[in-house]
């Protein structure tokens, strides 16, 4: 597996071309067509994924979570970065250039 490009909060993320996802009973199921690996997200992860697919930067996604759930910005930023780094390691997303 190739090394993931470094991701910062200012980045926008793109879903890799060999990744598909669908919402099933309120949770996102993600499949990497190249590896056959699938990944499931809880409702919060599903919300983050949806915002990322909408083209928002990681900062914008964190701000939306803070507004929607009333959580501290630092926690939202940490949750967003954790999900993005995990999915990047699995080859599901990459930083836009």
C-alpha atoms as a PDB file:
ATOM      1  CA  UNK A   1       0.000   0.000   0.000  1.00  0.00           C
ATOM      2  CA  UNK A   2       1.372   3.406  -0.897  1.00  0.00           C
ATOM      3  CA  UNK A   3       2.107   5.930   1.818  1.00  0.00           C
ATOM      4  CA  UNK A   4      -0.717   8.435   2.372  1.00  0.00           C
ATOM      5  CA  UNK A   5       0.054  12.079   1.625  1.00  0.00           C
ATOM      6  CA  UNK A   6       0.217  14.234   4.760  1.00  0.00           C
ATOM      7  CA  UNK A   7      -3.170  15.735   5.604  1.00  0.00           C
ATOM      8  CA  UNK A   8      -3.702  19.029   7.415  1.00  0.00           C
ATOM      9  CA  UNK A   9      -6.920  20.625   8.742  1.00  0.00           C
ATOM     10  CA  UNK A  10      -6.898  23.119   5.840  1.00  0.00           C
ATOM     11  CA  UNK A  11      -7.123  20.317   3.261  1.00  0.00           C
ATOM     12  CA  UNK A  12     -10.142  19.267   1.326  1.00  0.00           C
ATOM     13  CA  UNK A  13     -10.426  15.534   0.902  1.00  0.00           C
ATOM     14  CA  UNK A  14     -11.373  13.503  -2.130  1.00  0.00           C
ATOM     15  CA  UNK A  15     -12.734   9.997  -2.134  1.00  0.00           C
ATOM     16  CA  UNK A  16     -10.414   7.744  -4.138  1.00  0.00           C
ATOM     17  CA  UNK A  17     -11.691   6.540  -7.502  1.00  0.00           C
ATOM     18  CA  UNK A  18     -11.811   2.905  -6.384  1.00  0.00           C
ATOM     19  CA  UNK A  19     -13.977   3.669  -3.329  1.00  0.00           C
ATOM     20  CA  UNK A  20     -17.762   3.561  -3.191  1.00  0.00           C
ATOM     21  CA  UNK A  21     -20.077   4.169  -0.268  1.00  0.00           C
ATOM     22  CA  UNK A  22     -23.748   3.861   0.596  1.00  0.00           C
ATOM     23  CA  UNK A  23     -25.846   4.709   3.629  1.00  0.00           C
ATOM     24  CA  UNK A  24     -27.510   1.628   5.096  1.00  0.00           C
ATOM     25  CA  UNK A  25     -29.893   2.084   8.027  1.00  0.00           C
ATOM     26  CA  UNK A  26     -28.352   5.454   8.908  1.00  0.00           C
ATOM     27  CA  UNK A  27     -24.730   4.312   8.782  1.00  0.00           C
ATOM     28  CA  UNK A  28     -22.222   4.623   5.959  1.00  0.00           C
ATOM     29  CA  UNK A  29     -20.708   1.471   4.468  1.00  0.00           C
ATOM     30  CA  UNK A  30     -17.575   2.101   2.426  1.00  0.00           C
ATOM     31  CA  UNK A  31     -16.010  -0.379   0.012  1.00  0.00           C
ATOM     32  CA  UNK A  32     -12.599  -0.205  -1.616  1.00  0.00           C
ATOM     33  CA  UNK A  33     -13.155  -1.942  -4.947  1.00  0.00           C
ATOM     34  CA  UNK A  34      -9.435  -2.511  -5.484  1.00  0.00           C
ATOM     35  CA  UNK A  35      -8.786  -4.337  -2.203  1.00  0.00           C
ATOM     36  CA  UNK A  36     -12.274  -5.635  -1.405  1.00  0.00           C
ATOM     37  CA  UNK A  37     -11.928  -4.140   2.081  1.00  0.00           C
ATOM     38  CA  UNK A  38     -15.043  -2.610   3.567  1.00  0.00           C
ATOM     39  CA  UNK A  39     -15.401  -0.150   6.388  1.00  0.00           C
ATOM     40  CA  UNK A  40     -18.468   0.883   8.396  1.00  0.00           C
ATOM     41  CA  UNK A  41     -19.061   4.226  10.098  1.00  0.00           C
ATOM     42  CA  UNK A  42     -21.222   5.086  13.093  1.00  0.00           C
ATOM     43  CA  UNK A  43     -23.742   7.964  12.753  1.00  0.00           C
ATOM     44  CA  UNK A  44     -21.162  10.653  13.627  1.00  0.00           C
ATOM     45  CA  UNK A  45     -18.645   9.177  11.178  1.00  0.00           C
ATOM     46  CA  UNK A  46     -21.416   9.034   8.588  1.00  0.00           C
ATOM     47  CA  UNK A  47     -22.083  12.747   9.100  1.00  0.00           C
ATOM     48  CA  UNK A  48     -18.374  13.557   8.709  1.00  0.00           C
ATOM     49  CA  UNK A  49     -18.166  11.390   5.558  1.00  0.00           C
ATOM     50  CA  UNK A  50     -21.204  13.129   4.080  1.00  0.00           C
ATOM     51  CA  UNK A  51     -19.685  16.571   4.692  1.00  0.00           C
ATOM     52  CA  UNK A  52     -16.368  15.474   3.180  1.00  0.00           C
ATOM     53  CA  UNK A  53     -18.156  14.168   0.085  1.00  0.00           C
ATOM     54  CA  UNK A  54     -19.793  17.604  -0.153  1.00  0.00           C
ATOM     55  CA  UNK A  55     -16.386  19.169  -0.750  1.00  0.00           C
ATOM     56  CA  UNK A  56     -15.910  20.940   2.581  1.00  0.00           C
ATOM     57  CA  UNK A  57     -12.432  21.413   4.027  1.00  0.00           C
ATOM     58  CA  UNK A  58     -11.589  19.665   7.276  1.00  0.00           C
ATOM     59  CA  UNK A  59     -11.892  23.014   9.086  1.00  0.00           C
ATOM     60  CA  UNK A  60     -15.367  23.533   7.629  1.00  0.00           C
ATOM     61  CA  UNK A  61     -16.417  20.000   8.606  1.00  0.00           C
ATOM     62  CA  UNK A  62     -15.216  20.583  12.185  1.00  0.00           C
ATOM     63  CA  UNK A  63     -17.123  23.871  12.371  1.00  0.00           C
ATOM     64  CA  UNK A  64     -20.317  22.182  11.112  1.00  0.00           C
ATOM     65  CA  UNK A  65     -20.016  19.450  13.752  1.00  0.00           C
ATOM     66  CA  UNK A  66     -19.525  22.063  16.466  1.00  0.00           C
ATOM     67  CA  UNK A  67     -22.641  23.917  15.311  1.00  0.00           C
ATOM     68  CA  UNK A  68     -24.775  20.808  14.862  1.00  0.00           C
ATOM     69  CA  UNK A  69     -23.815  18.852  17.987  1.00  0.00           C
ATOM     70  CA  UNK A  70     -22.710  21.657  20.318  1.00  0.00           C
ATOM     71  CA  UNK A  71     -19.357  20.009  20.993  1.00  0.00           C
ATOM     72  CA  UNK A  72     -16.102  21.893  21.585  1.00  0.00           C
ATOM     73  CA  UNK A  73     -14.227  22.774  18.401  1.00  0.00           C
ATOM     74  CA  UNK A  74     -11.088  20.915  19.540  1.00  0.00           C
ATOM     75  CA  UNK A  75     -13.063  17.702  19.959  1.00  0.00           C
ATOM     76  CA  UNK A  76     -14.668  18.102  16.528  1.00  0.00           C
ATOM     77  CA  UNK A  77     -11.261  18.727  14.939  1.00  0.00           C
ATOM     78  CA  UNK A  78      -9.803  15.651  16.637  1.00  0.00           C
ATOM     79  CA  UNK A  79     -12.723  13.444  15.552  1.00  0.00           C
ATOM     80  CA  UNK A  80     -12.516  14.671  11.955  1.00  0.00           C
ATOM     81  CA  UNK A  81      -8.739  14.232  11.737  1.00  0.00           C
ATOM     82  CA  UNK A  82      -8.913  10.754  13.300  1.00  0.00           C
ATOM     83  CA  UNK A  83     -11.476   9.598  10.749  1.00  0.00           C
ATOM     84  CA  UNK A  84      -9.652  11.148   7.804  1.00  0.00           C
ATOM     85  CA  UNK A  85      -6.285   9.722   8.824  1.00  0.00           C
ATOM     86  CA  UNK A  86      -7.778   6.262   9.337  1.00  0.00           C
ATOM     87  CA  UNK A  87      -9.579   6.254   5.992  1.00  0.00           C
ATOM     88  CA  UNK A  88      -6.491   7.680   4.246  1.00  0.00           C
ATOM     89  CA  UNK A  89      -4.379   4.810   5.614  1.00  0.00           C
ATOM     90  CA  UNK A  90      -6.949   2.384   4.179  1.00  0.00           C
ATOM     91  CA  UNK A  91      -6.716   4.103   0.770  1.00  0.00           C
ATOM     92  CA  UNK A  92     -10.297   5.393   0.867  1.00  0.00           C
ATOM     93  CA  UNK A  93      -9.521   9.138   0.767  1.00  0.00           C
ATOM     94  CA  UNK A  94      -6.658  11.427  -0.152  1.00  0.00           C
ATOM     95  CA  UNK A  95      -5.839  15.113   0.226  1.00  0.00           C
ATOM     96  CA  UNK A  96      -6.783  17.208  -2.788  1.00  0.00           C
ATOM     97  CA  UNK A  97      -3.951  18.953  -4.533  1.00  0.00           C
END
